[in-house]
Every structure is written in C-alpha cells, then in structure tokens.
Amino acid sequence: MDSCRLRRVSSPSVQLRTANSALLLLFYLLSLAYLFIDPAAAADDRSEPASFSVFRNGTGAVPLRGGRRRLASASPPLRGNPYMTDDPKSSPFRILYVVTTFYSQGRWRNIMVPNIRAVTESVSVAGWDMDVVVIVGNEGPTPTDRKALEDALPRDAALEIWENACALGYEKTKEKVSCITRVLARQHRFVVADRKDEYDFFACWEDDMRFDVGTIRYYLELSAEIDRLSNAAAPDLKTDPDAIDGPMSPQQLQRVVPGFIRVEVVRDRAVDGVKTGIEPDREVVANWVPDASRCCSAPAWDTRLPRDPEGSELMTWECRIHGMSVRRFPEPIGWAALIPGPRYLPKKEVIGSRWAGASGAFGFNKKPGEREPQLFAQQGGWMATREQVLYFDKACPEGFLPPFKNDRLRKHGMDPSQPHNVEFWSGGYQLFGTCNIQRIMSLDPARFSGHLLYHSSNNKQNMVNPKRHVRVSDLYGELITVKKETEVILQSSK
C-alpha cells in the first residue's frame, strides 16, 4: 500500500521533499520528547524496573564487564553471610560502586579520583570484584581526566561514566526547563535497579566519601549477625515496644542495618568538646580513643589528606548524644546505639530503646524529632547487600528503586512542591526516615570504630559552627555513660 501511494506522486522531487519533511517532523517530535519528558515520570508500572541503560548518555561510556552471572531474581535472604568466605572455589564477591558528582577539574582530580582509587585498590587486594559507575551531572570529564580515572582503577575493574545525568524539569521559581540539581542524587537508583541481578553488594556514595574493604567486611559481619537473629526468632513473638532488651521479632530485626557517621580529621587545633549534660564515662576517657586506621588512614600516594591520624583528632558535626538511644540486643550484638530516623511504624515493629536524655540531663524531657538535621547523622550514601536492597524496595512506601509510586513520591521526585534533595536520596532521609530502616552502632569498644566513615573533603570543620563539633571519643564516652545508667535500671527492675 505504501509503495502504491508513493507511485501516485507525479514528481520524484515532490516525493523526496515529502519524505524529508516527514523525517524532519519525526526528528523534531523525538527531540521535544527528549527535552521535556522526565523518563522516570513516564513509568508507573512497578512490574518492570526502569532501566539505567535507557537514560544514560552513553557517549564515550565504557560498558561494564560482559558475561556476568545473573543472580536468581528471587534468591534466598542472606543467611550466615555466605560472602565472608575464604573458599577459593566460591564465586568472587561482586560489588557495584556508584559515585555521584558534578564535574570540575579540581574536584575530579583531587577528591573523587583518589577516593575511587583507594576504595577499589583495597577491594582488589581482598580478591573481590568491584565495578564502578560514575554519575556526572554535567558535561565532562575531559579526555585527560577520564584517562586519569581509568588509570586509577585495578586492571580488572570495569568503568562506566554517565554524563549529563542531571534530570530535566521545572523548578518552582522557573518558567523553563532546566537541570534539577537537587535530583542528581536520585539517579543512582536507576543504576541499581538496572544492575540489581548482576552484583552481590552495592555501595552508592557521594564523591567525597571514603571507605575500604574493612568497612564492607564489618558491614557484612554485623548484617549477618542481625540476619541470623531474625531467622532464629519466633515468627509470632509478641514484643513490648517499650522494652529495651530481651527477645526481638523477625519484623523488628528485618528493619535493622549497621549505621555510619561521617567524621573528619582535625589537625593543628583541638576540638573543644561540647558540654551536653552527660559526662563521658571516665574509663573510656582514660583508656579509649577511636581506631582512626579503620576509617581515615590515607595511602602513601595520597598526599592531600592528613597522614597517620590519631583517634583523638576525629570529629563529627551532625551526630550528637541528644538524638541517640540505647538498647541491649540479643547476643552476639549486645549493646548498641540507635541512630535517629524511623518515625511511623506498626506497634509490633517498634524497636524499644532508652533515649539518652531520659534522665533529664539535657534540661528538656522530650526527645528531638527524628529528622532534626543536626542529629540525624546523614551518611552521604549507603551500602547494602542485594537482599537488603530488595527488602528496602518493599519497606519504602514509595519504593526504593524506580519507577517510584507516584501517590507517595510525586512525579518521581521531580515535583517542585515536594523538593527532595541530596539529603533525601543520599543522606538517608528516605531510607532511614520514610522507609523506617533503623541504623545501629555497636557499643563494643572493639567494633565502634567500624561505624566511622571519612568525609575526605575535610572541609566541614571550617564550614560548620564549632559549637556543633563533637569529638568522636566524647560521643562514645557519653553513650557508654547512658548504657551504664540503663544497665542499672534494668538490674533494679528484676
């Protein structure tokens, strides 16, 4: 039929002009769709995950390693931590490391590339596989800087760079389509959704957050302990939401993950401890400092960062005793601090704890809100096993992976009346707040340092009011004071 219609055109030149006009019209329409439609907002059916492959720019991208074994879509939950193995016959533990950034030459060369190099080198030494995706909100990097990142990676690590990843849309005060910078931190969710069947573990961080293979090992170790307790717990156990020790139900434990606080190394000046009304435990003050080598030691080649930091030099700025609670978990976890976050939970899933200010030490008797920014302990990212990611997606009312549920997250996070930003997507307001995932920090002195992450920009100490600076050793000492008070209360109630 098409060929017949074309033959009825009397002039070949008219025929050619008609075809060209049709192609131009099609190109114009496709261009409009690319510019004005947010890809994520077009999908509402959660049965098919949105694909990162559809959205990435692709120009100059190096595909991730092919031939990967795809994991079963419904693999069993983590049991006994099968990844913590020395069996040479076992499959390599596969990690996807996703970093989000806006490109500038200085930040790329001085902060991001050294962080990625340090992380991937430590993982490679452990014999694990780690591939890297860098999400760049703007144009870049230059060929020279791209080569610098490629050269910084272990030989067997695959790299993909998603350029111009900033989503387009309308801001509340603007009348034209523009890059919505606050949504850039959302884009890592598309990467995870697209690759969730190819990796065992995901680490998604802002470009200045540094960790190493020891951080991952400890996260897996504590996650496995939580998982074993959950598997052994009685499914129909009735729990008291006010209890601060005793058995816990699977419904409570499945919401628990290891938590982190960001720290910096403060050199050449002392961090003045902020008086909170709770005195740090004297035994801790006399005998304990954080193990700075677990978070903040820099390789010899990284000359930008302070060398061989001491535990007494570690400072945090958005995590204070005022928002913390303590609980005695079943062994082997024992005493742990609960970081603020969860707000709306069914009664049977509430994890009872004792707030640090319950004795009146702070001069007020009501615990601060769970989203108080100076107490929330934003992490600057998250890490999780594949099984945990799948649980997050079920636990989050709006979903953790795209496409999101629009009745809860309007326009997939693009609605200017619901201005979710990096603190929501990356800092943890969604995962640890809206989704009610409870972070804990072990109060075992040998383990506490495993909950520290290095903010390698090392600039908050100069940007944040010194009255918010908290020595990590003081925070731990205060937590031990609260723990000992709670032990006395528990003993007297028997």
Protein backbone atom coordinates (compact mmCIF):
# COMPACT_ATOMS: atom_id res chain seq x y z
CA MET A 1 0.00 0.00 0.00
CA ASP A 2 2.79 2.45 0.88
CA SER A 3 4.60 1.82 -2.40
CA CYS A 4 1.38 2.35 -4.37
CA ARG A 5 0.79 5.68 -2.73
CA LEU A 6 4.35 6.76 -3.47
CA ARG A 7 3.95 5.84 -7.15
CA ARG A 8 0.96 8.13 -7.38
CA VAL A 9 3.19 11.12 -6.57
CA SER A 10 3.75 12.68 -10.02
CA SER A 11 7.19 14.22 -9.37
CA PRO A 12 10.23 12.48 -7.85
CA SER A 13 11.32 15.80 -6.35
CA VAL A 14 7.95 16.19 -4.61
CA GLN A 15 8.26 12.64 -3.34
CA LEU A 16 11.72 13.35 -1.92
CA ARG A 17 10.59 16.61 -0.29
CA THR A 18 7.63 14.79 1.31
CA ALA A 19 9.86 12.08 2.76
CA ASN A 20 12.34 14.65 4.06
CA SER A 21 9.55 16.64 5.68
CA ALA A 22 8.28 13.53 7.42
CA LEU A 23 11.74 12.69 8.73
CA LEU A 24 12.25 16.24 9.97
CA LEU A 25 8.88 16.19 11.72
CA LEU A 26 9.73 12.86 13.37
CA PHE A 27 13.14 14.16 14.49
CA TYR A 28 11.52 17.32 15.89
CA LEU A 29 8.96 15.33 17.88
CA LEU A 30 11.61 13.00 19.28
CA SER A 31 13.74 15.99 20.28
CA LEU A 32 10.81 17.53 22.14
CA ALA A 33 10.22 14.26 23.96
CA TYR A 34 13.88 14.06 24.98
CA LEU A 35 13.94 17.64 26.26
CA PHE A 36 10.64 17.90 28.05
CA ILE A 37 9.77 14.47 29.39
CA ASP A 38 11.36 13.13 32.53
CA PRO A 39 11.96 9.47 31.64
CA ALA A 40 11.23 8.30 35.16
CA ALA A 41 7.86 10.07 35.27
CA ALA A 42 6.65 8.16 32.24
CA ALA A 43 6.64 4.80 34.01
CA ASP A 44 4.10 3.85 36.66
CA ASP A 45 4.10 0.07 36.37
CA ARG A 46 6.44 -1.33 39.03
CA SER A 47 6.44 -4.78 37.45
CA GLU A 48 9.19 -3.65 35.07
CA PRO A 49 12.12 -1.78 36.68
CA ALA A 50 13.20 1.39 34.94
CA SER A 51 16.40 0.81 33.03
CA PHE A 52 19.52 2.86 33.61
CA SER A 53 20.57 1.80 30.11
CA VAL A 54 17.70 3.81 28.63
CA PHE A 55 18.64 7.04 30.41
CA ARG A 56 22.42 7.23 30.32
CA ASN A 57 24.06 9.50 27.79
CA GLY A 58 26.28 6.72 26.57
CA THR A 59 28.74 8.96 24.75
CA GLY A 60 32.17 7.56 25.42
CA ALA A 61 30.86 5.19 28.07
CA VAL A 62 32.80 2.00 28.63
CA PRO A 63 30.33 -0.89 29.05
CA LEU A 64 30.55 -2.87 32.25
CA ARG A 65 32.17 -6.25 32.09
CA GLY A 66 30.15 -8.66 29.98
CA GLY A 67 29.38 -12.29 30.65
CA ARG A 68 28.44 -11.79 34.30
CA ARG A 69 26.45 -14.48 36.01
CA ARG A 70 22.99 -13.06 36.60
CA LEU A 71 21.68 -13.83 40.06
CA ALA A 72 18.34 -15.51 40.56
CA SER A 73 15.51 -12.99 40.70
CA ALA A 74 14.22 -14.48 43.94
CA SER A 75 17.36 -15.59 45.73
CA PRO A 76 17.06 -16.56 49.40
CA PRO A 77 17.85 -13.97 52.09
CA LEU A 78 21.36 -13.57 53.39
CA ARG A 79 21.97 -16.50 55.75
CA GLY A 80 25.17 -16.85 57.68
CA ASN A 81 26.86 -14.36 55.36
CA PRO A 82 27.97 -16.63 52.50
CA TYR A 83 30.14 -13.82 51.11
CA MET A 84 32.53 -13.94 54.06
CA THR A 85 34.40 -16.95 52.76
CA ASP A 86 37.96 -17.94 52.05
CA ASP A 87 36.94 -20.78 49.75
CA PRO A 88 38.90 -20.24 46.52
CA LYS A 89 36.29 -22.25 44.61
CA SER A 90 33.47 -19.90 45.55
CA SER A 91 32.33 -17.25 43.08
CA PRO A 92 34.04 -13.87 43.53
CA PHE A 93 32.08 -11.42 45.63
CA ARG A 94 30.86 -8.79 43.17
CA ILE A 95 30.40 -5.15 44.18
CA LEU A 96 28.97 -2.25 42.21
CA TYR A 97 30.38 1.08 43.39
CA VAL A 98 28.36 4.09 42.25
CA VAL A 99 29.68 7.63 42.72
CA THR A 100 27.68 10.81 42.05
CA THR A 101 29.36 14.11 41.22
CA PHE A 102 29.26 17.38 39.32
CA TYR A 103 32.39 17.63 37.22
CA SER A 104 35.03 20.22 37.89
CA GLN A 105 38.67 19.57 37.17
CA GLY A 106 39.86 20.26 40.72
CA ARG A 107 37.25 18.10 42.43
CA TRP A 108 37.68 15.29 39.92
CA ARG A 109 41.47 15.14 40.29
CA ASN A 110 41.90 15.97 43.96
CA ILE A 111 38.92 14.31 45.62
CA MET A 112 36.94 11.87 43.51
CA VAL A 113 39.67 10.01 41.64
CA PRO A 114 41.82 9.48 44.79
CA ASN A 115 38.75 8.20 46.66
CA ILE A 116 37.81 5.75 43.92
CA ARG A 117 41.41 4.58 43.64
CA ALA A 118 41.72 3.99 47.39
CA VAL A 119 38.42 2.11 47.58
CA THR A 120 38.97 -0.10 44.54
CA GLU A 121 42.57 -0.91 45.45
CA SER A 122 41.57 -2.17 48.91
CA VAL A 123 38.75 -4.29 47.46
CA SER A 124 41.00 -5.73 44.75
CA VAL A 125 43.57 -6.82 47.34
CA ALA A 126 40.79 -8.78 49.08
CA GLY A 127 40.14 -10.71 45.87
CA TRP A 128 36.68 -9.27 45.31
CA ASP A 129 35.35 -7.84 42.03
CA MET A 130 34.35 -4.18 42.00
CA ASP A 131 32.98 -2.29 39.01
CA VAL A 132 32.48 1.47 39.02
CA VAL A 133 29.76 3.74 37.66
CA VAL A 134 30.36 7.49 37.89
CA ILE A 135 27.25 9.63 37.52
CA VAL A 136 28.18 13.11 36.30
CA GLY A 137 25.50 15.79 36.44
CA ASN A 138 27.07 17.99 33.79
CA GLU A 139 29.37 17.75 30.77
CA GLY A 140 32.69 16.09 31.36
CA PRO A 141 35.24 14.90 32.09
CA THR A 142 37.96 15.93 29.64
CA PRO A 143 39.75 13.07 27.88
CA THR A 144 42.74 13.65 30.17
CA ASP A 145 40.67 13.38 33.32
CA ARG A 146 38.78 10.35 32.01
CA LYS A 147 42.14 8.67 31.37
CA ALA A 148 43.29 9.57 34.90
CA LEU A 149 40.29 7.74 36.35
CA GLU A 150 40.78 4.72 34.11
CA ASP A 151 44.45 4.51 35.12
CA ALA A 152 43.49 4.72 38.81
CA LEU A 153 41.39 1.56 38.67
CA PRO A 154 42.64 -2.01 39.09
CA ARG A 155 43.11 -3.73 35.75
CA ASP A 156 40.04 -5.96 36.08
CA ALA A 157 37.62 -3.23 37.21
CA ALA A 158 35.06 -2.07 34.66
CA LEU A 159 34.11 1.59 34.41
CA GLU A 160 31.09 3.38 33.05
CA ILE A 161 30.59 7.16 33.09
CA TRP A 162 27.05 8.54 32.78
CA GLU A 163 27.47 12.13 31.65
CA ASN A 164 24.78 14.84 31.65
CA ALA A 165 22.82 12.74 34.11
CA CYS A 166 21.02 15.68 35.69
CA ALA A 167 17.27 15.25 35.19
CA LEU A 168 15.42 17.99 33.30
CA GLY A 169 12.28 19.58 34.64
CA TYR A 170 10.62 22.69 36.04
CA GLU A 171 11.63 24.28 39.31
CA LYS A 172 9.03 26.18 41.29
CA THR A 173 10.52 29.61 40.59
CA LYS A 174 11.47 29.00 36.96
CA GLU A 175 9.38 29.02 33.81
CA LYS A 176 11.66 26.99 31.59
CA VAL A 177 13.08 23.52 31.57
CA SER A 178 16.38 23.27 33.41
CA CYS A 179 18.69 20.84 35.14
CA ILE A 180 17.20 19.99 38.55
CA THR A 181 20.43 19.71 40.51
CA ARG A 182 18.76 18.53 43.71
CA VAL A 183 17.59 15.37 41.92
CA LEU A 184 21.04 14.26 40.71
CA ALA A 185 21.42 12.13 43.83
CA ARG A 186 18.32 10.20 42.73
CA GLN A 187 19.97 8.86 39.59
CA HIS A 188 21.97 6.15 41.33
CA ARG A 189 18.68 4.33 41.95
CA PHE A 190 18.28 3.75 38.20
CA VAL A 191 21.74 2.23 38.06
CA VAL A 192 20.98 -0.12 40.96
CA ALA A 193 17.60 -1.10 39.50
CA ASP A 194 19.23 -1.94 36.18
CA ARG A 195 22.14 -3.92 37.69
CA LYS A 196 20.49 -5.49 40.73
CA ASP A 197 20.70 -9.03 39.29
CA GLU A 198 24.40 -8.77 38.46
CA TYR A 199 26.01 -7.90 41.80
CA ASP A 200 26.05 -9.17 45.36
CA PHE A 201 26.63 -5.80 47.01
CA PHE A 202 26.02 -2.13 46.23
CA ALA A 203 27.90 0.91 47.54
CA CYS A 204 26.41 4.24 46.43
CA TRP A 205 28.17 7.33 47.74
CA GLU A 206 28.80 11.00 47.23
CA ASP A 207 32.15 11.70 45.63
CA ASP A 208 33.97 12.72 48.83
CA MET A 209 33.05 9.72 50.99
CA ARG A 210 35.84 7.22 51.58
CA PHE A 211 35.66 3.67 52.86
CA ASP A 212 37.62 0.48 52.29
CA VAL A 213 37.28 -3.28 52.23
CA GLY A 214 37.37 -3.34 56.03
CA THR A 215 34.23 -1.19 56.12
CA ILE A 216 32.45 -3.62 53.82
CA ARG A 217 33.62 -6.67 55.78
CA TYR A 218 32.36 -5.19 59.03
CA TYR A 219 29.03 -4.21 57.46
CA LEU A 220 28.62 -7.79 56.20
CA GLU A 221 29.64 -9.25 59.55
CA LEU A 222 27.10 -7.24 61.55
CA SER A 223 24.42 -7.72 58.88
CA ALA A 224 24.92 -11.48 59.09
CA GLU A 225 24.51 -11.40 62.88
CA ILE A 226 21.26 -9.45 62.51
CA ASP A 227 20.09 -11.88 59.82
CA ARG A 228 20.82 -14.96 61.95
CA LEU A 229 18.91 -13.46 64.86
CA SER A 230 15.98 -12.74 62.56
CA ASN A 231 15.98 -16.28 61.17
CA ALA A 232 16.07 -17.78 64.67
CA ALA A 233 13.36 -15.52 66.14
CA ALA A 234 9.87 -16.84 66.74
CA PRO A 235 7.62 -15.52 63.92
CA ASP A 236 4.66 -15.00 66.25
CA LEU A 237 6.66 -13.43 69.10
CA LYS A 238 4.76 -10.63 70.82
CA THR A 239 7.05 -7.76 71.73
CA ASP A 240 6.75 -4.77 74.01
CA PRO A 241 7.50 -1.51 72.14
CA ASP A 242 8.84 -0.05 75.39
CA ALA A 243 11.23 -2.93 76.15
CA ILE A 244 14.91 -2.03 75.99
CA ASP A 245 16.23 -5.57 76.00
CA GLY A 246 15.00 -9.12 75.55
CA PRO A 247 13.94 -11.18 72.52
CA MET A 248 13.14 -9.43 69.26
CA SER A 249 10.79 -10.47 66.48
CA PRO A 250 11.73 -11.02 62.82
CA GLN A 251 9.59 -7.99 61.97
CA GLN A 252 11.75 -5.81 64.21
CA LEU A 253 15.10 -7.25 63.17
CA GLN A 254 14.47 -7.12 59.43
CA ARG A 255 14.47 -3.31 59.68
CA VAL A 256 17.89 -3.15 61.35
CA VAL A 257 21.11 -2.38 59.45
CA PRO A 258 24.60 -1.27 60.50
CA GLY A 259 24.80 2.53 60.53
CA PHE A 260 27.60 5.01 59.93
CA ILE A 261 28.52 8.53 60.99
CA ARG A 262 30.70 10.85 58.95
CA VAL A 263 33.91 12.09 60.52
CA GLU A 264 36.81 14.37 59.64
CA VAL A 265 40.40 14.62 60.82
CA VAL A 266 41.02 17.89 62.67
CA ARG A 267 44.72 18.70 62.82
CA ASP A 268 46.67 21.64 64.28
CA ARG A 269 43.94 22.55 66.74
CA ALA A 270 41.93 20.87 69.45
CA VAL A 271 38.25 20.06 69.08
CA ASP A 272 36.55 21.68 72.05
CA GLY A 273 34.15 19.16 73.47
CA VAL A 274 30.58 20.49 73.67
CA LYS A 275 29.06 20.17 77.14
CA THR A 276 25.85 18.18 76.80
CA GLY A 277 24.91 17.47 80.39
CA ILE A 278 26.17 13.89 80.14
CA GLU A 279 29.74 13.30 81.24
CA PRO A 280 31.71 10.85 79.10
CA ASP A 281 32.46 7.67 81.00
CA ARG A 282 35.75 8.14 82.88
CA GLU A 283 37.07 4.71 81.98
CA VAL A 284 36.53 5.46 78.32
CA VAL A 285 38.17 8.88 78.64
CA ALA A 286 41.21 7.32 80.29
CA ASN A 287 41.65 4.26 78.11
CA TRP A 288 39.91 4.53 74.74
CA VAL A 289 40.12 6.50 71.51
CA PRO A 290 38.67 5.56 68.11
CA ASP A 291 40.81 3.45 65.83
CA ALA A 292 41.42 6.05 63.12
CA SER A 293 43.10 3.47 60.89
CA ARG A 294 39.71 1.85 60.29
CA CYS A 295 38.25 4.92 58.61
CA CYS A 296 40.75 7.63 57.91
CA SER A 297 44.23 6.36 57.04
CA ALA A 298 45.38 7.54 53.64
CA PRO A 299 47.65 5.54 51.32
CA ALA A 300 51.19 6.86 50.93
CA TRP A 301 50.43 8.15 47.43
CA ASP A 302 47.53 10.32 48.67
CA THR A 303 49.42 13.35 49.94
CA ARG A 304 46.37 15.63 50.18
CA LEU A 305 44.96 14.01 53.32
CA PRO A 306 46.47 14.13 56.83
CA ARG A 307 48.98 11.38 57.47
CA ASP A 308 48.51 8.78 60.24
CA PRO A 309 45.60 10.45 62.05
CA GLU A 310 45.08 9.84 65.75
CA GLY A 311 41.74 8.80 67.18
CA SER A 312 41.68 11.95 69.28
CA GLU A 313 41.66 14.00 66.04
CA LEU A 314 38.35 12.61 64.77
CA MET A 315 35.38 14.97 64.77
CA THR A 316 31.74 14.66 63.73
CA TRP A 317 29.30 17.52 63.27
CA GLU A 318 25.76 16.21 62.67
CA CYS A 319 25.52 13.41 65.18
CA ARG A 320 25.19 14.17 68.90
CA ILE A 321 24.12 12.32 72.01
CA HIS A 322 20.87 14.35 72.12
CA GLY A 323 19.28 12.21 69.38
CA MET A 324 20.67 8.82 70.39
CA SER A 325 19.04 5.92 72.23
CA VAL A 326 20.49 2.64 73.50
CA ARG A 327 19.23 -0.93 73.63
CA ARG A 328 20.61 -4.33 74.58
CA PHE A 329 20.14 -6.52 71.52
CA PRO A 330 20.26 -10.31 71.72
CA GLU A 331 23.76 -11.74 71.60
CA PRO A 332 26.13 -11.63 69.81
CA ILE A 333 25.25 -7.98 69.07
CA GLY A 334 24.73 -6.84 72.66
CA TRP A 335 24.52 -3.14 73.50
CA ALA A 336 24.03 -0.79 70.57
CA ALA A 337 23.14 2.83 69.92
CA LEU A 338 20.12 3.60 67.74
CA ILE A 339 20.63 6.47 65.29
CA PRO A 340 17.60 8.73 64.69
CA GLY A 341 15.36 8.04 61.70
CA PRO A 342 12.23 5.85 61.89
CA ARG A 343 9.00 7.66 62.73
CA TYR A 344 5.89 5.75 61.71
CA LEU A 345 5.95 2.03 62.43
CA PRO A 346 3.29 -0.50 63.34
CA LYS A 347 3.38 -1.13 67.09
CA LYS A 348 4.65 -4.69 66.64
CA GLU A 349 7.69 -3.43 64.68
CA VAL A 350 8.74 -0.63 67.03
CA ILE A 351 12.22 -1.27 68.46
CA GLY A 352 12.18 -0.21 72.08
CA SER A 353 15.15 1.77 73.42
CA ARG A 354 16.08 4.26 76.12
CA TRP A 355 16.67 7.81 74.96
CA ALA A 356 19.93 9.36 76.18
CA GLY A 357 18.04 12.31 77.68
CA ALA A 358 15.54 10.25 79.64
CA SER A 359 17.20 11.19 82.95
CA GLY A 360 16.73 14.91 82.27
CA ALA A 361 20.43 15.56 81.66
CA PHE A 362 19.73 17.81 78.68
CA GLY A 363 17.33 20.11 80.50
CA PHE A 364 14.37 19.02 78.39
CA ASN A 365 12.25 15.89 78.59
CA LYS A 366 11.10 15.33 75.02
CA LYS A 367 13.30 13.58 72.50
CA PRO A 368 14.09 15.80 69.48
CA GLY A 369 12.40 14.97 66.19
CA GLU A 370 13.76 12.06 64.22
CA ARG A 371 14.58 14.38 61.29
CA GLU A 372 16.43 17.05 63.23
CA PRO A 373 19.26 17.76 60.73
CA GLN A 374 21.94 18.40 63.36
CA LEU A 375 21.25 15.00 64.94
CA PHE A 376 20.19 12.81 62.02
CA ALA A 377 23.73 11.66 61.11
CA GLN A 378 23.44 11.87 57.35
CA GLN A 379 25.76 9.28 55.84
CA GLY A 380 26.48 10.74 52.40
CA GLY A 381 25.42 7.44 50.83
CA TRP A 382 24.61 3.86 51.65
CA MET A 383 25.80 0.29 51.19
CA ALA A 384 23.74 -2.89 51.20
CA THR A 385 23.62 -6.48 50.05
CA ARG A 386 21.36 -7.34 47.15
CA GLU A 387 18.89 -8.96 49.54
CA GLN A 388 18.77 -5.81 51.65
CA VAL A 389 18.14 -3.66 48.57
CA LEU A 390 15.17 -5.85 47.63
CA TYR A 391 13.82 -5.52 51.16
CA PHE A 392 14.25 -1.74 51.07
CA ASP A 393 12.12 -1.66 47.93
CA LYS A 394 9.32 -3.44 49.80
CA ALA A 395 9.71 -1.45 53.02
CA CYS A 396 9.68 2.01 51.41
CA PRO A 397 6.11 3.29 50.91
CA GLU A 398 7.15 4.96 47.66
CA GLY A 399 9.59 2.22 46.69
CA PHE A 400 13.38 2.32 46.88
CA LEU A 401 14.00 1.50 43.22
CA PRO A 402 12.35 3.17 40.22
CA PRO A 403 9.76 3.50 38.89
CA PHE A 404 8.53 5.02 42.16
CA LYS A 405 4.94 5.04 43.34
CA ASN A 406 3.55 8.40 42.34
CA ASP A 407 0.91 8.51 45.06
CA ARG A 408 3.77 8.80 47.58
CA LEU A 409 6.55 10.37 45.56
CA ARG A 410 5.01 12.83 43.16
CA LYS A 411 6.47 12.98 39.66
CA HIS A 412 9.15 10.51 40.75
CA GLY A 413 10.84 13.08 42.95
CA MET A 414 10.66 15.89 40.38
CA ASP A 415 7.66 17.77 41.81
CA PRO A 416 8.88 21.23 42.93
CA SER A 417 6.26 21.23 45.69
CA GLN A 418 7.98 18.18 47.17
CA PRO A 419 11.61 19.33 46.90
CA HIS A 420 13.56 16.20 47.74
CA ASN A 421 17.30 16.79 47.58
CA VAL A 422 20.59 15.02 48.18
CA GLU A 423 19.79 14.57 51.89
CA PHE A 424 16.66 12.63 50.90
CA TRP A 425 18.18 10.40 48.24
CA SER A 426 21.74 10.00 49.50
CA GLY A 427 21.94 11.33 53.05
CA GLY A 428 19.29 8.96 54.28
CA TYR A 429 16.06 10.88 54.92
CA GLN A 430 14.21 8.46 52.67
CA LEU A 431 15.85 5.16 53.59
CA PHE A 432 16.21 5.76 57.32
CA GLY A 433 13.24 8.09 57.73
CA THR A 434 10.38 7.46 55.33
CA CYS A 435 11.27 3.77 54.90
CA ASN A 436 11.87 3.31 58.65
CA ILE A 437 15.13 1.38 58.33
CA GLN A 438 16.82 1.50 61.73
CA ARG A 439 20.58 2.12 61.87
CA ILE A 440 22.54 0.83 64.83
CA MET A 441 26.10 1.30 66.09
CA SER A 442 27.70 -1.35 68.25
CA LEU A 443 28.88 -0.08 71.64
CA ASP A 444 31.57 -2.75 71.82
CA PRO A 445 34.81 -0.70 72.02
CA ALA A 446 36.46 -3.05 69.54
CA ARG A 447 33.68 -2.51 66.97
CA PHE A 448 32.55 1.09 67.35
CA SER A 449 35.25 2.45 65.02
CA GLY A 450 33.81 0.30 62.22
CA HIS A 451 30.86 2.71 62.10
CA LEU A 452 33.01 5.70 61.12
CA LEU A 453 33.27 6.98 57.53
CA TYR A 454 35.77 9.55 56.31
CA HIS A 455 34.37 12.74 54.78
CA SER A 456 37.52 13.23 52.75
CA SER A 457 36.81 16.80 51.66
CA ASN A 458 37.75 17.50 55.28
CA ASN A 459 36.05 20.90 55.00
CA LYS A 460 33.06 20.74 57.36
CA GLN A 461 35.34 21.59 60.26
CA ASN A 462 35.80 25.02 58.66
CA MET A 463 32.23 25.47 57.41
CA VAL A 464 30.12 24.32 60.36
CA ASN A 465 29.73 26.29 63.59
CA PRO A 466 32.34 24.97 66.07
CA LYS A 467 29.57 24.62 68.65
CA ARG A 468 28.37 21.65 66.59
CA HIS A 469 31.77 19.92 66.55
CA VAL A 470 31.82 16.73 68.60
CA ARG A 471 34.88 14.64 69.39
CA VAL A 472 34.11 11.05 68.44
CA SER A 473 35.75 9.85 71.66
CA ASP A 474 33.41 12.13 73.68
CA LEU A 475 30.34 10.82 71.85
CA TYR A 476 31.33 7.23 72.55
CA GLY A 477 32.06 8.04 76.20
CA GLU A 478 28.62 9.66 76.56
CA LEU A 479 26.95 6.62 75.02
CA ILE A 480 28.74 4.34 77.49
CA THR A 481 27.54 6.55 80.35
CA VAL A 482 23.95 6.17 79.11
CA LYS A 483 24.46 2.43 78.64
CA LYS A 484 25.66 2.01 82.24
CA GLU A 485 22.72 4.04 83.56
CA THR A 486 20.39 1.80 81.58
CA GLU A 487 22.05 -1.34 82.93
CA VAL A 488 21.36 -0.12 86.46
CA ILE A 489 17.70 0.48 85.60
CA LEU A 490 17.38 -3.00 84.09
CA GLN A 491 19.04 -4.60 87.12
CA SER A 492 16.81 -2.75 89.58
CA SER A 493 13.67 -3.79 87.69
CA LYS A 494 14.39 -7.50 88.13
